[in-house]
Amino acid sequence: MSKSGFDIFAQFVSTVLSNAKKKGGKVGKRGRKPMAVPVDGLQQLIQVKKLVDQIGGLEKAKAAVDALAQILG
């Protein structure tokens, strides 16, 4: 950080983060939050899982979807 004009040491950052945790501040991993699956979406996933099992596995289901896509154009 000294390149941008700030002299911040690792111990200071650690102290700030530790204090934020104690006070219930927002400290955690950065990144995207997982998307919540709506109830309808969950039911669809269950149906897809059953279909994949009926077809005989994921690879066969993918092949069937690819063939369907070619037929439908």
PDB file of N, CA and C in Angstrom:
ATOM      1  N   MET A   1       0.820  -1.194   0.000  1.00  0.00           N
ATOM      2  CA  MET A   1       0.000   0.000   0.000  1.00  0.00           C
ATOM      3  C   MET A   1       0.862   1.255   0.000  1.00  0.00           C
ATOM      4  N   SER A   2       2.135   1.119   0.274  1.00  0.00           N
ATOM      5  CA  SER A   2       2.971   2.307   0.325  1.00  0.00           C
ATOM      6  C   SER A   2       3.123   2.947  -1.047  1.00  0.00           C
ATOM      7  N   LYS A   3       2.899   2.200  -2.120  1.00  0.00           N
ATOM      8  CA  LYS A   3       2.963   2.770  -3.460  1.00  0.00           C
ATOM      9  C   LYS A   3       1.873   3.810  -3.661  1.00  0.00           C
ATOM     10  N   SER A   4       0.718   3.598  -3.035  1.00  0.00           N
ATOM     11  CA  SER A   4      -0.391   4.537  -3.195  1.00  0.00           C
ATOM     12  C   SER A   4      -0.376   5.629  -2.126  1.00  0.00           C
ATOM     13  N   GLY A   5       0.647   5.654  -1.288  1.00  0.00           N
ATOM     14  CA  GLY A   5       0.776   6.727  -0.314  1.00  0.00           C
ATOM     15  C   GLY A   5       0.335   6.369   1.087  1.00  0.00           C
ATOM     16  N   PHE A   6      -0.006   5.127   1.336  1.00  0.00           N
ATOM     17  CA  PHE A   6      -0.448   4.703   2.656  1.00  0.00           C
ATOM     18  C   PHE A   6       0.567   3.729   3.235  1.00  0.00           C
ATOM     19  N   ASP A   7       0.896   3.926   4.496  1.00  0.00           N
ATOM     20  CA  ASP A   7       1.778   2.991   5.191  1.00  0.00           C
ATOM     21  C   ASP A   7       0.924   2.154   6.139  1.00  0.00           C
ATOM     22  N   ILE A   8       0.504   0.981   5.673  1.00  0.00           N
ATOM     23  CA  ILE A   8      -0.340   0.088   6.459  1.00  0.00           C
ATOM     24  C   ILE A   8       0.409  -1.224   6.635  1.00  0.00           C
ATOM     25  N   PHE A   9       0.481  -1.674   7.874  1.00  0.00           N
ATOM     26  CA  PHE A   9       1.194  -2.897   8.178  1.00  0.00           C
ATOM     27  C   PHE A   9       0.218  -4.049   8.346  1.00  0.00           C
ATOM     28  N   ALA A  10       0.726  -5.255   8.165  1.00  0.00           N
ATOM     29  CA  ALA A  10      -0.104  -6.451   8.257  1.00  0.00           C
ATOM     30  C   ALA A  10      -0.763  -6.567   9.633  1.00  0.00           C
ATOM     31  N   GLN A  11      -0.065  -6.199  10.674  1.00  0.00           N
ATOM     32  CA  GLN A  11      -0.626  -6.294  12.021  1.00  0.00           C
ATOM     33  C   GLN A  11      -1.838  -5.374  12.176  1.00  0.00           C
ATOM     34  N   PHE A  12      -1.793  -4.196  11.569  1.00  0.00           N
ATOM     35  CA  PHE A  12      -2.916  -3.264  11.628  1.00  0.00           C
ATOM     36  C   PHE A  12      -4.139  -3.850  10.934  1.00  0.00           C
ATOM     37  N   VAL A  13      -3.921  -4.430   9.770  1.00  0.00           N
ATOM     38  CA  VAL A  13      -5.023  -5.052   9.021  1.00  0.00           C
ATOM     39  C   VAL A  13      -5.615  -6.187   9.836  1.00  0.00           C
ATOM     40  N   SER A  14      -4.771  -6.990  10.439  1.00  0.00           N
ATOM     41  CA  SER A  14      -5.236  -8.101  11.262  1.00  0.00           C
ATOM     42  C   SER A  14      -6.070  -7.596  12.438  1.00  0.00           C
ATOM     43  N   THR A  15      -5.648  -6.521  13.060  1.00  0.00           N
ATOM     44  CA  THR A  15      -6.374  -5.957  14.193  1.00  0.00           C
ATOM     45  C   THR A  15      -7.743  -5.435  13.760  1.00  0.00           C
ATOM     46  N   VAL A  16      -7.788  -4.750  12.638  1.00  0.00           N
ATOM     47  CA  VAL A  16      -9.061  -4.216  12.147  1.00  0.00           C
ATOM     48  C   VAL A  16     -10.033  -5.347  11.840  1.00  0.00           C
ATOM     49  N   LEU A  17      -9.551  -6.388  11.160  1.00  0.00           N
ATOM     50  CA  LEU A  17     -10.423  -7.514  10.834  1.00  0.00           C
ATOM     51  C   LEU A  17     -10.891  -8.242  12.085  1.00  0.00           C
ATOM     52  N   SER A  18      -9.997  -8.398  13.046  1.00  0.00           N
ATOM     53  CA  SER A  18     -10.352  -9.072  14.293  1.00  0.00           C
ATOM     54  C   SER A  18     -11.417  -8.281  15.047  1.00  0.00           C
ATOM     55  N   ASN A  19     -11.259  -6.984  15.103  1.00  0.00           N
ATOM     56  CA  ASN A  19     -12.251  -6.147  15.791  1.00  0.00           C
ATOM     57  C   ASN A  19     -13.586  -6.177  15.072  1.00  0.00           C
ATOM     58  N   ALA A  20     -13.567  -6.215  13.760  1.00  0.00           N
ATOM     59  CA  ALA A  20     -14.818  -6.268  13.001  1.00  0.00           C
ATOM     60  C   ALA A  20     -15.558  -7.570  13.287  1.00  0.00           C
ATOM     61  N   LYS A  21     -14.822  -8.664  13.411  1.00  0.00           N
ATOM     62  CA  LYS A  21     -15.458  -9.947  13.738  1.00  0.00           C
ATOM     63  C   LYS A  21     -16.105  -9.896  15.119  1.00  0.00           C
ATOM     64  N   LYS A  22     -15.412  -9.298  16.077  1.00  0.00           N
ATOM     65  CA  LYS A  22     -15.936  -9.224  17.440  1.00  0.00           C
ATOM     66  C   LYS A  22     -17.206  -8.393  17.501  1.00  0.00           C
ATOM     67  N   LYS A  23     -17.281  -7.349  16.699  1.00  0.00           N
ATOM     68  CA  LYS A  23     -18.438  -6.460  16.704  1.00  0.00           C
ATOM     69  C   LYS A  23     -19.540  -6.933  15.767  1.00  0.00           C
ATOM     70  N   GLY A  24     -19.308  -8.042  15.083  1.00  0.00           N
ATOM     71  CA  GLY A  24     -20.327  -8.550  14.174  1.00  0.00           C
ATOM     72  C   GLY A  24     -20.302  -7.848  12.839  1.00  0.00           C
ATOM     73  N   GLY A  25     -19.190  -7.265  12.504  1.00  0.00           N
ATOM     74  CA  GLY A  25     -19.066  -6.596  11.218  1.00  0.00           C
ATOM     75  C   GLY A  25     -18.998  -7.600  10.086  1.00  0.00           C
ATOM     76  N   LYS A  26     -19.082  -7.095   8.905  1.00  0.00           N
ATOM     77  CA  LYS A  26     -19.090  -7.975   7.738  1.00  0.00           C
ATOM     78  C   LYS A  26     -17.649  -8.302   7.353  1.00  0.00           C
ATOM     79  N   VAL A  27     -17.209  -9.480   7.748  1.00  0.00           N
ATOM     80  CA  VAL A  27     -15.884  -9.955   7.401  1.00  0.00           C
ATOM     81  C   VAL A  27     -16.053 -11.360   6.863  1.00  0.00           C
ATOM     82  N   GLY A  28     -15.506 -11.624   5.730  1.00  0.00           N
ATOM     83  CA  GLY A  28     -15.639 -12.960   5.177  1.00  0.00           C
ATOM     84  C   GLY A  28     -14.915 -13.075   3.864  1.00  0.00           C
ATOM     85  N   LYS A  29     -15.166 -14.161   3.202  1.00  0.00           N
ATOM     86  CA  LYS A  29     -14.538 -14.400   1.918  1.00  0.00           C
ATOM     87  C   LYS A  29     -15.183 -13.528   0.858  1.00  0.00           C
ATOM     88  N   ARG A  30     -14.362 -13.012  -0.017  1.00  0.00           N
ATOM     89  CA  ARG A  30     -14.895 -12.217  -1.108  1.00  0.00           C
ATOM     90  C   ARG A  30     -15.258 -13.134  -2.254  1.00  0.00           C
ATOM     91  N   GLY A  31     -16.171 -12.679  -3.076  1.00  0.00           N
ATOM     92  CA  GLY A  31     -16.556 -13.478  -4.227  1.00  0.00           C
ATOM     93  C   GLY A  31     -18.058 -13.486  -4.397  1.00  0.00           C
ATOM     94  N   ARG A  32     -18.480 -14.241  -5.362  1.00  0.00           N
ATOM     95  CA  ARG A  32     -19.909 -14.323  -5.656  1.00  0.00           C
ATOM     96  C   ARG A  32     -20.620 -15.145  -4.610  1.00  0.00           C
ATOM     97  N   LYS A  33     -21.820 -14.732  -4.308  1.00  0.00           N
ATOM     98  CA  LYS A  33     -22.650 -15.495  -3.373  1.00  0.00           C
ATOM     99  C   LYS A  33     -23.373 -16.580  -4.153  1.00  0.00           C
ATOM    100  N   PRO A  34     -23.558 -17.731  -3.560  1.00  0.00           N
ATOM    101  CA  PRO A  34     -24.273 -18.788  -4.270  1.00  0.00           C
ATOM    102  C   PRO A  34     -25.712 -18.374  -4.534  1.00  0.00           C
ATOM    103  N   MET A  35     -26.194 -18.769  -5.676  1.00  0.00           N
ATOM    104  CA  MET A  35     -27.565 -18.418  -6.036  1.00  0.00           C
ATOM    105  C   MET A  35     -28.536 -19.357  -5.333  1.00  0.00           C
ATOM    106  N   ALA A  36     -29.617 -18.799  -4.861  1.00  0.00           N
ATOM    107  CA  ALA A  36     -30.656 -19.613  -4.244  1.00  0.00           C
ATOM    108  C   ALA A  36     -31.517 -20.213  -5.353  1.00  0.00           C
ATOM    109  N   VAL A  37     -31.806 -21.485  -5.221  1.00  0.00           N
ATOM    110  CA  VAL A  37     -32.642 -22.160  -6.218  1.00  0.00           C
ATOM    111  C   VAL A  37     -34.090 -22.001  -5.790  1.00  0.00           C
ATOM    112  N   PRO A  38     -34.933 -21.393  -6.640  1.00  0.00           N
ATOM    113  CA  PRO A  38     -36.345 -21.272  -6.274  1.00  0.00           C
ATOM    114  C   PRO A  38     -36.994 -22.650  -6.167  1.00  0.00           C
ATOM    115  N   VAL A  39     -38.120 -22.714  -5.491  1.00  0.00           N
ATOM    116  CA  VAL A  39     -38.795 -23.996  -5.271  1.00  0.00           C
ATOM    117  C   VAL A  39     -39.124 -24.656  -6.608  1.00  0.00           C
ATOM    118  N   ASP A  40     -39.606 -23.877  -7.568  1.00  0.00           N
ATOM    119  CA  ASP A  40     -39.907 -24.448  -8.883  1.00  0.00           C
ATOM    120  C   ASP A  40     -38.641 -24.999  -9.531  1.00  0.00           C
ATOM    121  N   GLY A  41     -37.547 -24.281  -9.390  1.00  0.00           N
ATOM    122  CA  GLY A  41     -36.273 -24.730  -9.935  1.00  0.00           C
ATOM    123  C   GLY A  41     -35.812 -26.015  -9.273  1.00  0.00           C
ATOM    124  N   LEU A  42     -36.049 -26.128  -7.976  1.00  0.00           N
ATOM    125  CA  LEU A  42     -35.672 -27.342  -7.255  1.00  0.00           C
ATOM    126  C   LEU A  42     -36.478 -28.536  -7.761  1.00  0.00           C
ATOM    127  N   GLN A  43     -37.764 -28.323  -7.995  1.00  0.00           N
ATOM    128  CA  GLN A  43     -38.602 -29.403  -8.527  1.00  0.00           C
ATOM    129  C   GLN A  43     -38.128 -29.817  -9.915  1.00  0.00           C
ATOM    130  N   GLN A  44     -37.734 -28.839 -10.725  1.00  0.00           N
ATOM    131  CA  GLN A  44     -37.222 -29.149 -12.058  1.00  0.00           C
ATOM    132  C   GLN A  44     -35.926 -29.949 -11.977  1.00  0.00           C
ATOM    133  N   LEU A  45     -35.058 -29.575 -11.033  1.00  0.00           N
ATOM    134  CA  LEU A  45     -33.806 -30.320 -10.865  1.00  0.00           C
ATOM    135  C   LEU A  45     -34.071 -31.767 -10.457  1.00  0.00           C
ATOM    136  N   ILE A  46     -35.056 -31.968  -9.610  1.00  0.00           N
ATOM    137  CA  ILE A  46     -35.413 -33.324  -9.189  1.00  0.00           C
ATOM    138  C   ILE A  46     -35.925 -34.123 -10.390  1.00  0.00           C
ATOM    139  N   GLN A  47     -36.748 -33.480 -11.233  1.00  0.00           N
ATOM    140  CA  GLN A  47     -37.254 -34.160 -12.429  1.00  0.00           C
ATOM    141  C   GLN A  47     -36.121 -34.488 -13.398  1.00  0.00           C
ATOM    142  N   VAL A  48     -35.191 -33.563 -13.557  1.00  0.00           N
ATOM    143  CA  VAL A  48     -34.044 -33.808 -14.445  1.00  0.00           C
ATOM    144  C   VAL A  48     -33.206 -34.961 -13.915  1.00  0.00           C
ATOM    145  N   LYS A  49     -32.995 -35.006 -12.599  1.00  0.00           N
ATOM    146  CA  LYS A  49     -32.235 -36.102 -11.994  1.00  0.00           C
ATOM    147  C   LYS A  49     -32.902 -37.438 -12.276  1.00  0.00           C
ATOM    148  N   LYS A  50     -34.222 -37.485 -12.162  1.00  0.00           N
ATOM    149  CA  LYS A  50     -34.949 -38.729 -12.440  1.00  0.00           C
ATOM    150  C   LYS A  50     -34.804 -39.117 -13.908  1.00  0.00           C
ATOM    151  N   LEU A  51     -34.872 -38.120 -14.805  1.00  0.00           N
ATOM    152  CA  LEU A  51     -34.720 -38.386 -16.235  1.00  0.00           C
ATOM    153  C   LEU A  51     -33.318 -38.915 -16.549  1.00  0.00           C
ATOM    154  N   VAL A  52     -32.313 -38.307 -15.960  1.00  0.00           N
ATOM    155  CA  VAL A  52     -30.931 -38.762 -16.176  1.00  0.00           C
ATOM    156  C   VAL A  52     -30.775 -40.202 -15.705  1.00  0.00           C
ATOM    157  N   ASP A  53     -31.365 -40.518 -14.583  1.00  0.00           N
ATOM    158  CA  ASP A  53     -31.301 -41.895 -14.078  1.00  0.00           C
ATOM    159  C   ASP A  53     -32.007 -42.857 -15.028  1.00  0.00           C
ATOM    160  N   GLN A  54     -33.157 -42.432 -15.588  1.00  0.00           N
ATOM    161  CA  GLN A  54     -33.901 -43.293 -16.512  1.00  0.00           C
ATOM    162  C   GLN A  54     -33.122 -43.534 -17.803  1.00  0.00           C
ATOM    163  N   ILE A  55     -32.452 -42.487 -18.287  1.00  0.00           N
ATOM    164  CA  ILE A  55     -31.709 -42.597 -19.550  1.00  0.00           C
ATOM    165  C   ILE A  55     -30.457 -43.444 -19.378  1.00  0.00           C
ATOM    166  N   GLY A  56     -29.895 -43.436 -18.202  1.00  0.00           N
ATOM    167  CA  GLY A  56     -28.733 -44.273 -17.964  1.00  0.00           C
ATOM    168  C   GLY A  56     -27.459 -43.517 -17.646  1.00  0.00           C
ATOM    169  N   GLY A  57     -27.570 -42.308 -17.194  1.00  0.00           N
ATOM    170  CA  GLY A  57     -26.392 -41.559 -16.785  1.00  0.00           C
ATOM    171  C   GLY A  57     -26.317 -40.199 -17.447  1.00  0.00           C
ATOM    172  N   LEU A  58     -25.422 -39.399 -16.937  1.00  0.00           N
ATOM    173  CA  LEU A  58     -25.301 -38.022 -17.380  1.00  0.00           C
ATOM    174  C   LEU A  58     -24.788 -37.917 -18.815  1.00  0.00           C
ATOM    175  N   GLU A  59     -23.806 -38.745 -19.175  1.00  0.00           N
ATOM    176  CA  GLU A  59     -23.251 -38.674 -20.531  1.00  0.00           C
ATOM    177  C   GLU A  59     -24.312 -39.026 -21.576  1.00  0.00           C
ATOM    178  N   LYS A  60     -25.111 -40.032 -21.291  1.00  0.00           N
ATOM    179  CA  LYS A  60     -26.172 -40.409 -22.228  1.00  0.00           C
ATOM    180  C   LYS A  60     -27.242 -39.318 -22.295  1.00  0.00           C
ATOM    181  N   ALA A  61     -27.525 -38.681 -21.176  1.00  0.00           N
ATOM    182  CA  ALA A  61     -28.512 -37.602 -21.159  1.00  0.00           C
ATOM    183  C   ALA A  61     -28.009 -36.408 -21.963  1.00  0.00           C
ATOM    184  N   LYS A  62     -26.713 -36.101 -21.842  1.00  0.00           N
ATOM    185  CA  LYS A  62     -26.135 -35.010 -22.627  1.00  0.00           C
ATOM    186  C   LYS A  62     -26.214 -35.319 -24.116  1.00  0.00           C
ATOM    187  N   ALA A  63     -25.920 -36.561 -24.471  1.00  0.00           N
ATOM    188  CA  ALA A  63     -26.000 -36.955 -25.876  1.00  0.00           C
ATOM    189  C   ALA A  63     -27.426 -36.841 -26.394  1.00  0.00           C
ATOM    190  N   ALA A  64     -28.398 -37.217 -25.568  1.00  0.00           N
ATOM    191  CA  ALA A  64     -29.797 -37.125 -25.965  1.00  0.00           C
ATOM    192  C   ALA A  64     -30.208 -35.667 -26.157  1.00  0.00           C
ATOM    193  N   VAL A  65     -29.748 -34.780 -25.284  1.00  0.00           N
ATOM    194  CA  VAL A  65     -30.078 -33.361 -25.405  1.00  0.00           C
ATOM    195  C   VAL A  65     -29.418 -32.776 -26.655  1.00  0.00           C
ATOM    196  N   ASP A  66     -28.180 -33.182 -26.933  1.00  0.00           N
ATOM    197  CA  ASP A  66     -27.503 -32.712 -28.159  1.00  0.00           C
ATOM    198  C   ASP A  66     -28.243 -33.177 -29.415  1.00  0.00           C
ATOM    199  N   ALA A  67     -28.699 -34.437 -29.390  1.00  0.00           N
ATOM    200  CA  ALA A  67     -29.441 -34.952 -30.544  1.00  0.00           C
ATOM    201  C   ALA A  67     -30.760 -34.193 -30.710  1.00  0.00           C
ATOM    202  N   LEU A  68     -31.430 -33.920 -29.622  1.00  0.00           N
ATOM    203  CA  LEU A  68     -32.681 -33.161 -29.663  1.00  0.00           C
ATOM    204  C   LEU A  68     -32.441 -31.752 -30.201  1.00  0.00           C
ATOM    205  N   ALA A  69     -31.347 -31.133 -29.782  1.00  0.00           N
ATOM    206  CA  ALA A  69     -31.020 -29.787 -30.270  1.00  0.00           C
ATOM    207  C   ALA A  69     -30.790 -29.787 -31.782  1.00  0.00           C
ATOM    208  N   GLN A  70     -30.161 -30.856 -32.295  1.00  0.00           N
ATOM    209  CA  GLN A  70     -29.932 -30.937 -33.737  1.00  0.00           C
ATOM    210  C   GLN A  70     -31.249 -31.128 -34.489  1.00  0.00           C
ATOM    211  N   ILE A  71     -32.143 -31.912 -33.908  1.00  0.00           N
ATOM    212  CA  ILE A  71     -33.446 -32.155 -34.557  1.00  0.00           C
ATOM    213  C   ILE A  71     -34.260 -30.866 -34.590  1.00  0.00           C
ATOM    214  N   LEU A  72     -34.265 -30.146 -33.474  1.00  0.00           N
ATOM    215  CA  LEU A  72     -35.065 -28.930 -33.373  1.00  0.00           C
ATOM    216  C   LEU A  72     -34.436 -27.749 -34.128  1.00  0.00           C
ATOM    217  N   GLY A  73     -33.169 -27.880 -34.447  1.00  0.00           N
ATOM    218  CA  GLY A  73     -32.516 -26.871 -35.284  1.00  0.00           C
ATOM    219  C   GLY A  73     -31.881 -25.844 -34.471  1.00  0.00           C
TER     220      GLY A  73
END
